[in-house]
């Protein structure tokens, strides 16, 4: 490749943007045209400069990275997208379906070298748009928007005081005698929310009409009766949570079994 491959960086954290620009400047075939610190400016720069590739952070203001990528592909499907993210769960499998590559923070120059070689090779070929692009993007946009609204703590009642329990410390939530409780490794607390309200603000799994579960704290599960299951939690009591027959399919999909 005798020409310089042009790039734009869309990253709201200035130190990260400058670091990536410096790393890319070490490649003689790469030219960083500009840096944008939000999604709207990023799209304008892409339309004005028509780069070969755009390095896009996922969590950027005004228009998140997935939405920006979708708009760029509508503008010109030949532009290559490389996602930048500190959140590996957003990247690995889903981004392979859509982007040319992804780069995790903090930056690893050896990993970036792999990306650049892939990018240089790709620009020597014709690029065929993946048929599932917009379906994948919409799904990931929904996931990101949900993540933005998740809570990190649940206020609970204990001896007339309000105690804030970290989400990762919750093992499951349940209702009994028209009251809602959360169970931690060693204790239980009463809360002033319904299960549906808690579920809407967390990633907890609906196991039963009376239970939602933090699946990160499940120790094992076993088949029970009439096609149902039970989850055994990793708390002190090894509490058992029933899975209703209606939720068995969702359970199997969760564990991919």
Protein backbone atom coordinates (compact mmCIF):
# COMPACT_ATOMS: atom_id res chain seq x y z
CA UNK A 1 0.00 0.00 0.00
CA UNK A 2 1.70 3.21 -1.19
CA UNK A 3 -0.83 5.71 0.12
CA UNK A 4 -1.55 6.68 3.71
CA UNK A 5 -4.65 5.15 5.25
CA UNK A 6 -6.67 7.95 6.86
CA UNK A 7 -8.27 7.64 10.28
CA UNK A 8 -10.38 9.60 12.74
CA UNK A 9 -10.44 8.96 16.48
CA UNK A 10 -13.66 9.48 18.41
CA UNK A 11 -12.79 9.39 22.11
CA UNK A 12 -14.04 11.68 24.90
CA UNK A 13 -11.11 11.02 27.23
CA UNK A 14 -8.30 13.34 26.08
CA UNK A 15 -5.39 11.29 27.47
CA UNK A 16 -6.65 8.12 25.77
CA UNK A 17 -7.24 9.95 22.50
CA UNK A 18 -3.74 11.45 22.50
CA UNK A 19 -2.16 8.13 23.47
CA UNK A 20 -3.90 6.32 20.61
CA UNK A 21 -2.98 9.10 18.18
CA UNK A 22 0.67 8.78 19.19
CA UNK A 23 0.64 4.98 18.77
CA UNK A 24 -0.97 5.26 15.34
CA UNK A 25 1.53 7.94 14.28
CA UNK A 26 4.28 5.32 14.56
CA UNK A 27 2.88 3.60 11.45
CA UNK A 28 4.12 5.18 8.22
CA UNK A 29 0.98 4.14 6.34
CA UNK A 30 -1.46 5.64 8.87
CA UNK A 31 -2.57 9.28 9.02
CA UNK A 32 -4.81 10.48 11.87
CA UNK A 33 -6.87 13.27 10.32
CA UNK A 34 -8.65 14.47 13.43
CA UNK A 35 -9.98 13.69 16.91
CA UNK A 36 -13.58 14.16 18.06
CA UNK A 37 -14.69 14.07 21.68
CA UNK A 38 -18.37 13.27 21.13
CA UNK A 39 -20.47 11.27 18.70
CA UNK A 40 -22.09 14.18 16.87
CA UNK A 41 -18.79 15.87 16.08
CA UNK A 42 -17.38 12.48 15.15
CA UNK A 43 -20.08 11.97 12.52
CA UNK A 44 -19.49 15.46 11.11
CA UNK A 45 -15.75 14.82 10.80
CA UNK A 46 -16.39 11.50 9.09
CA UNK A 47 -18.71 13.11 6.55
CA UNK A 48 -16.27 15.97 5.94
CA UNK A 49 -13.11 13.86 5.70
CA UNK A 50 -14.34 10.47 4.44
CA UNK A 51 -11.63 8.48 6.26
CA UNK A 52 -10.70 4.88 5.58
CA UNK A 53 -11.24 3.96 9.24
CA UNK A 54 -12.70 5.33 12.46
CA UNK A 55 -11.58 4.37 15.95
CA UNK A 56 -14.66 4.76 18.15
CA UNK A 57 -14.98 4.61 21.92
CA UNK A 58 -18.24 2.98 23.05
CA UNK A 59 -19.16 5.36 25.86
CA UNK A 60 -19.03 8.81 24.30
CA UNK A 61 -21.46 11.70 24.88
CA UNK A 62 -24.28 12.96 22.62
CA UNK A 63 -24.29 9.81 20.46
CA UNK A 64 -22.84 6.55 21.83
CA UNK A 65 -20.28 4.60 19.85
CA UNK A 66 -22.67 1.96 18.56
CA UNK A 67 -25.12 4.58 17.30
CA UNK A 68 -22.28 6.49 15.67
CA UNK A 69 -21.03 3.33 13.96
CA UNK A 70 -24.51 2.66 12.60
CA UNK A 71 -24.74 6.20 11.19
CA UNK A 72 -21.28 5.94 9.64
CA UNK A 73 -22.22 2.70 7.89
CA UNK A 74 -25.37 4.35 6.54
CA UNK A 75 -23.21 7.17 5.20
CA UNK A 76 -20.53 4.91 3.73
CA UNK A 77 -20.44 1.17 4.34
CA UNK A 78 -16.82 0.97 3.14
CA UNK A 79 -15.49 2.86 6.17
CA UNK A 80 -13.88 0.46 8.61
CA UNK A 81 -14.90 0.61 12.27
CA UNK A 82 -12.57 -0.24 15.16
CA UNK A 83 -14.21 -0.04 18.56
CA UNK A 84 -12.40 1.16 21.65
CA UNK A 85 -13.75 0.01 24.99
CA UNK A 86 -12.80 -0.74 28.58
CA UNK A 87 -15.68 -3.22 28.78
CA UNK A 88 -14.72 -6.56 27.32
CA UNK A 89 -18.27 -7.91 27.61
CA UNK A 90 -19.39 -5.43 24.92
CA UNK A 91 -16.62 -6.33 22.57
CA UNK A 92 -15.42 -9.79 21.86
CA UNK A 93 -18.13 -11.81 20.09
CA UNK A 94 -20.70 -9.18 19.14
CA UNK A 95 -18.20 -6.73 17.66
CA UNK A 96 -16.70 -9.44 15.47
CA UNK A 97 -20.03 -9.59 13.66
CA UNK A 98 -19.90 -5.91 12.78
CA UNK A 99 -16.59 -4.11 13.27
CA UNK A 100 -13.27 -4.82 11.64
CA UNK A 101 -11.79 -5.13 15.13
CA UNK A 102 -11.87 -3.85 18.69
CA UNK A 103 -9.22 -2.51 21.08
CA UNK A 104 -9.47 -2.82 24.85
CA UNK A 105 -8.33 -0.19 27.31
CA UNK A 106 -5.71 0.21 28.62
CA UNK A 107 -4.05 0.08 25.22
CA UNK A 108 -1.67 -2.75 24.38
CA UNK A 109 0.63 -1.78 21.50
CA UNK A 110 1.06 -5.41 20.40
CA UNK A 111 -2.72 -5.79 20.20
CA UNK A 112 -3.02 -2.53 18.26
CA UNK A 113 -0.36 -3.80 15.84
CA UNK A 114 -2.61 -6.78 15.06
CA UNK A 115 -5.50 -4.39 14.44
CA UNK A 116 -3.46 -2.14 12.13
CA UNK A 117 -2.21 -5.09 10.09
CA UNK A 118 -5.77 -6.28 9.74
CA UNK A 119 -6.87 -2.80 8.73
CA UNK A 120 -4.12 -2.40 6.14
CA UNK A 121 -4.96 -5.78 4.69
CA UNK A 122 -8.67 -5.02 4.63
CA UNK A 123 -8.20 -1.80 2.71
CA UNK A 124 -6.58 -3.82 -0.07
CA UNK A 125 -9.78 -5.85 -0.48
CA UNK A 126 -13.39 -5.13 -1.35
CA UNK A 127 -15.51 -4.93 1.81
CA UNK A 128 -18.83 -6.79 1.92
CA UNK A 129 -21.33 -5.47 4.48
CA UNK A 130 -22.54 -8.08 6.94
CA UNK A 131 -26.28 -8.71 6.46
CA UNK A 132 -26.80 -8.74 10.22
CA UNK A 133 -25.14 -5.37 10.84
CA UNK A 134 -28.14 -3.31 11.86
CA UNK A 135 -29.76 -6.11 13.81
CA UNK A 136 -26.58 -6.57 15.84
CA UNK A 137 -26.13 -2.84 16.33
CA UNK A 138 -29.68 -2.28 17.52
CA UNK A 139 -29.32 -5.10 20.01
CA UNK A 140 -26.09 -3.66 21.38
CA UNK A 141 -27.50 -0.14 21.52
CA UNK A 142 -30.40 -1.46 23.58
CA UNK A 143 -27.95 -3.26 25.87
CA UNK A 144 -25.87 -0.13 26.38
CA UNK A 145 -28.95 1.99 27.11
CA UNK A 146 -30.14 -0.57 29.66
CA UNK A 147 -26.70 -0.62 31.28
CA UNK A 148 -26.84 3.15 31.74
CA UNK A 149 -29.98 2.83 33.87
CA UNK A 150 -28.80 0.01 36.14
CA UNK A 151 -28.42 0.73 39.85
CA UNK A 152 -25.31 -0.16 41.86
CA UNK A 153 -26.87 -0.30 45.33
CA UNK A 154 -30.24 -1.23 46.83
CA UNK A 155 -31.48 0.69 49.90
CA UNK A 156 -32.72 -1.74 52.57
CA UNK A 157 -34.25 -1.43 56.02
CA UNK A 158 -32.40 -2.67 59.11
CA UNK A 159 -33.29 -1.73 62.70
CA UNK A 160 -34.88 1.52 61.64
CA UNK A 161 -31.90 2.50 59.46
CA UNK A 162 -31.38 2.54 55.72
CA UNK A 163 -28.51 0.28 54.62
CA UNK A 164 -27.16 0.42 51.06
CA UNK A 165 -26.35 -3.05 49.73
CA UNK A 166 -24.06 -3.42 46.70
CA UNK A 167 -25.72 -5.23 43.81
CA UNK A 168 -22.93 -7.83 43.60
CA UNK A 169 -23.58 -8.71 47.27
CA UNK A 170 -27.21 -9.60 46.58
CA UNK A 171 -27.76 -13.32 46.03
CA UNK A 172 -31.49 -13.29 45.35
CA UNK A 173 -34.67 -11.33 46.05
CA UNK A 174 -38.01 -12.81 47.03
CA UNK A 175 -41.48 -12.00 48.27
CA UNK A 176 -43.14 -13.42 51.36
CA UNK A 177 -46.36 -12.33 53.07
CA UNK A 178 -46.65 -9.45 50.58
CA UNK A 179 -43.23 -8.08 51.56
CA UNK A 180 -40.04 -8.03 49.48
CA UNK A 181 -36.67 -9.15 50.81
CA UNK A 182 -33.13 -9.38 49.49
CA UNK A 183 -30.76 -12.11 50.61
CA UNK A 184 -27.01 -11.59 50.92
CA UNK A 185 -24.39 -14.19 51.82
CA UNK A 186 -25.28 -14.09 55.52
CA UNK A 187 -28.32 -11.86 56.04
CA UNK A 188 -31.68 -10.85 54.68
CA UNK A 189 -33.12 -7.33 54.46
CA UNK A 190 -36.57 -5.94 53.76
CA UNK A 191 -36.88 -3.48 50.89
CA UNK A 192 -39.58 -1.09 49.81
CA UNK A 193 -39.65 -2.23 46.19
CA UNK A 194 -41.45 -4.92 44.24
CA UNK A 195 -39.51 -7.67 42.47
CA UNK A 196 -40.43 -6.13 39.13
CA UNK A 197 -39.01 -2.77 40.18
CA UNK A 198 -35.74 -4.36 41.29
CA UNK A 199 -35.50 -6.51 38.16
CA UNK A 200 -35.99 -3.47 35.89
CA UNK A 201 -32.94 -1.80 37.45
CA UNK A 202 -30.66 -4.86 37.62
CA UNK A 203 -29.59 -7.81 35.49
CA UNK A 204 -31.25 -10.26 37.88
CA UNK A 205 -32.85 -13.36 36.37
CA UNK A 206 -36.58 -14.02 36.83
CA UNK A 207 -36.58 -17.52 38.29
CA UNK A 208 -40.13 -17.63 39.62
CA UNK A 209 -42.98 -15.23 40.22
CA UNK A 210 -41.70 -14.90 43.79
CA UNK A 211 -37.94 -14.90 43.09
CA UNK A 212 -35.34 -13.03 41.06
CA UNK A 213 -31.71 -14.15 41.18
CA UNK A 214 -28.25 -12.68 40.82
CA UNK A 215 -26.85 -15.41 38.57
CA UNK A 216 -23.27 -14.48 39.47
CA UNK A 217 -23.92 -15.96 42.90
CA UNK A 218 -25.35 -19.33 41.82
CA UNK A 219 -23.30 -22.35 42.93
CA UNK A 220 -25.14 -25.17 41.16
CA UNK A 221 -28.51 -26.26 39.84
CA UNK A 222 -30.41 -29.50 39.57
CA UNK A 223 -33.54 -30.91 37.98
CA UNK A 224 -36.46 -31.04 40.39
CA UNK A 225 -39.87 -32.35 39.29
CA UNK A 226 -42.40 -31.79 36.50
CA UNK A 227 -39.74 -30.23 34.30
CA UNK A 228 -38.67 -27.62 36.84
CA UNK A 229 -35.26 -26.87 38.34
CA UNK A 230 -33.72 -25.49 41.49
CA UNK A 231 -30.76 -23.17 41.82
CA UNK A 232 -28.42 -23.62 44.77
CA UNK A 233 -26.94 -20.31 45.88
CA UNK A 234 -23.41 -19.77 47.12
CA UNK A 235 -24.53 -18.19 50.39
CA UNK A 236 -23.93 -19.55 53.89
CA UNK A 237 -27.16 -21.55 53.93
CA UNK A 238 -26.82 -22.86 50.34
CA UNK A 239 -30.29 -21.46 49.78
CA UNK A 240 -32.38 -23.10 47.07
CA UNK A 241 -34.38 -21.03 44.60
CA UNK A 242 -37.08 -22.68 42.46
CA UNK A 243 -37.23 -22.21 38.70
CA UNK A 244 -40.81 -22.28 37.50
CA UNK A 245 -41.65 -24.37 34.45
CA UNK A 246 -42.37 -21.19 32.49
CA UNK A 247 -38.83 -19.93 33.11
CA UNK A 248 -36.91 -23.15 32.38
CA UNK A 249 -36.44 -22.19 28.71
CA UNK A 250 -34.97 -18.82 29.70
CA UNK A 251 -32.69 -20.60 32.19
CA UNK A 252 -31.37 -22.95 29.50
CA UNK A 253 -30.87 -20.04 27.12
CA UNK A 254 -28.96 -18.18 29.83
CA UNK A 255 -26.57 -21.09 30.35
CA UNK A 256 -26.68 -22.04 26.64
CA UNK A 257 -27.72 -25.62 27.40
